[in-house]
Protein backbone atom coordinates (compact mmCIF):
# COMPACT_ATOMS: atom_id res chain seq x y z
CA MET A 1 10.87 9.53 23.99
CA ALA A 2 9.32 6.60 25.75
CA GLY A 3 5.95 5.12 26.48
CA GLY A 4 3.05 6.17 24.25
CA THR A 5 5.06 7.38 21.27
CA THR A 6 5.53 3.86 19.88
CA GLN A 7 1.82 3.41 19.11
CA ALA A 8 1.58 6.88 17.61
CA ARG A 9 4.55 6.11 15.37
CA GLN A 10 3.36 2.73 14.14
CA VAL A 11 2.96 2.32 10.41
CA GLN A 12 1.35 -0.43 8.35
CA VAL A 13 3.04 -1.45 5.12
CA PHE A 14 1.08 -3.62 2.69
CA GLY A 15 2.84 -5.38 -0.18
CA THR A 16 5.06 -8.34 -0.98
CA ARG A 17 8.66 -9.08 -0.09
CA LYS A 18 9.38 -9.49 -3.82
CA SER A 19 8.60 -5.81 -4.41
CA ALA A 20 11.73 -3.64 -4.32
CA ASP A 21 9.63 -0.59 -3.40
CA THR A 22 8.01 -2.45 -0.50
CA ARG A 23 11.46 -3.47 0.79
CA LYS A 24 12.59 0.18 0.47
CA ALA A 25 9.55 1.32 2.49
CA LEU A 26 10.28 -1.22 5.24
CA ARG A 27 13.92 -0.10 5.34
CA PHE A 28 12.91 3.60 5.38
CA PHE A 29 10.80 3.14 8.52
CA ALA A 30 13.25 0.73 10.18
CA GLU A 31 16.08 3.25 9.77
CA ARG A 32 13.92 5.80 11.60
CA ARG A 33 13.01 3.32 14.35
CA VAL A 34 9.31 3.43 13.48
CA THR A 35 7.39 0.34 14.54
CA THR A 36 6.19 -1.31 11.34
CA HIS A 37 3.45 -3.88 10.85
CA PHE A 38 4.01 -5.61 7.50
CA VAL A 39 1.11 -7.31 5.72
CA ASP A 40 2.34 -9.62 2.97
CA PHE A 41 -0.22 -10.04 0.18
CA HIS A 42 1.14 -13.55 -0.46
CA GLU A 43 0.04 -14.53 3.04
CA ARG A 44 -3.12 -12.43 3.37
CA ALA A 45 -5.05 -10.76 0.57
CA PRO A 46 -6.02 -7.13 1.19
CA ALA A 47 -9.44 -6.52 2.68
CA LEU A 48 -11.88 -4.65 0.49
CA GLY A 49 -12.44 -2.11 3.28
CA GLU A 50 -8.70 -1.44 3.53
CA LEU A 51 -8.46 -0.90 -0.23
CA ARG A 52 -11.40 1.52 -0.06
CA ARG A 53 -9.45 3.64 2.42
CA PHE A 54 -6.67 4.12 -0.15
CA ALA A 55 -9.13 4.55 -3.04
CA GLU A 56 -10.99 7.32 -1.19
CA ARG A 57 -7.79 9.34 -1.12
CA TYR A 58 -6.27 8.46 -4.51
CA GLY A 59 -8.97 6.80 -6.63
CA ALA A 60 -9.18 3.11 -7.40
CA SER A 61 -7.33 3.40 -10.72
CA THR A 62 -4.26 4.74 -8.91
CA LEU A 63 -4.03 1.48 -6.97
CA VAL A 64 -3.64 -0.56 -10.16
CA ASP A 65 -0.10 -1.39 -11.27
CA ARG A 66 -0.71 -1.43 -15.01
CA GLU A 67 2.79 -2.78 -15.62
CA SER A 68 2.47 -5.73 -13.24
CA ARG A 69 2.76 -9.21 -14.68
CA ARG A 70 -0.69 -10.17 -13.33
CA PHE A 71 -2.39 -7.13 -14.89
CA LEU A 72 -0.86 -7.99 -18.27
CA GLU A 73 -1.67 -11.71 -17.94
CA LEU A 74 -5.33 -10.87 -17.37
CA GLY A 75 -5.36 -8.67 -20.49
CA LEU A 76 -6.86 -5.64 -18.75
CA GLN A 77 -4.82 -3.01 -20.61
CA ARG A 78 -7.84 -1.48 -22.34
CA SER A 79 -10.27 -1.96 -19.47
CA MET A 80 -12.76 0.71 -18.51
CA TYR A 81 -14.43 -0.41 -15.29
CA SER A 82 -15.98 1.29 -12.27
CA ASP A 83 -14.03 1.93 -9.09
CA ASP A 84 -16.09 -0.73 -7.30
CA TRP A 85 -15.20 -3.30 -9.97
CA TRP A 86 -11.51 -2.45 -9.67
CA LEU A 87 -11.53 -2.63 -5.87
CA LYS A 88 -13.21 -6.04 -5.88
CA ARG A 89 -10.80 -7.28 -8.53
CA LEU A 90 -7.75 -5.93 -6.65
CA ALA A 91 -8.90 -7.68 -3.47
CA GLU A 92 -9.03 -10.93 -5.48
CA GLU A 93 -5.83 -10.24 -7.43
CA PRO A 94 -3.36 -8.42 -5.16
CA GLY A 95 -0.64 -9.01 -7.75
CA MET A 96 -2.13 -6.07 -9.66
CA LEU A 97 -1.70 -3.58 -6.79
CA ARG A 98 0.86 -0.79 -6.80
CA GLN A 99 3.18 -1.37 -3.91
CA PRO A 100 3.65 -0.52 -1.18
CA LEU A 101 0.41 0.69 0.32
CA VAL A 102 1.32 2.52 3.54
CA ARG A 103 -0.98 3.61 6.35
CA PHE A 104 0.06 5.86 9.23
CA GLY A 105 -2.93 6.58 11.44
CA HIS A 106 -5.52 8.12 9.13
CA ARG A 107 -2.94 8.97 6.47
CA VAL A 108 -2.27 6.73 3.48
CA SER A 109 0.12 6.61 0.55
CA VAL A 110 0.41 4.51 -2.60
CA GLY A 111 3.78 3.49 -4.01
CA LEU A 112 7.24 4.61 -2.93
CA ASP A 113 6.70 8.08 -1.42
CA GLU A 114 9.52 8.94 0.98
CA GLY A 115 8.76 12.68 0.86
CA THR A 116 5.25 12.11 2.20
CA TRP A 117 6.53 9.67 4.84
CA ARG A 118 9.07 12.24 6.04
CA GLU A 119 6.26 14.80 6.41
CA TRP A 120 4.21 12.31 8.44
CA LEU A 121 7.07 11.63 10.82
CA ALA A 122 7.91 15.31 11.20
CA ALA A 123 4.34 16.25 12.16
């Protein structure tokens, strides 16, 4: 198919190149010839509004990688904070985010989720 399908099949992948799951997501979409826009958190921190989009679907606590080095360094293991607190903190400390965050139109996913991505592409 040509023409307008490229825009409809464009996906945004947010993460870091160091993350094995982010690299797997980029490879997944590349193998299926889906145009991918990669946002590297080392180059650009996530916008609070973008994080809210994922939190609305999954909850802010789902976005937190509780095994990440940065999360452990900050000593947040026993933290009980509001979703707004977490979102603000994640925007400031993207090293604590589960990766990758993937957006396909109005659909979003958190972490490696090839089953969901296959459903998106099949629709």
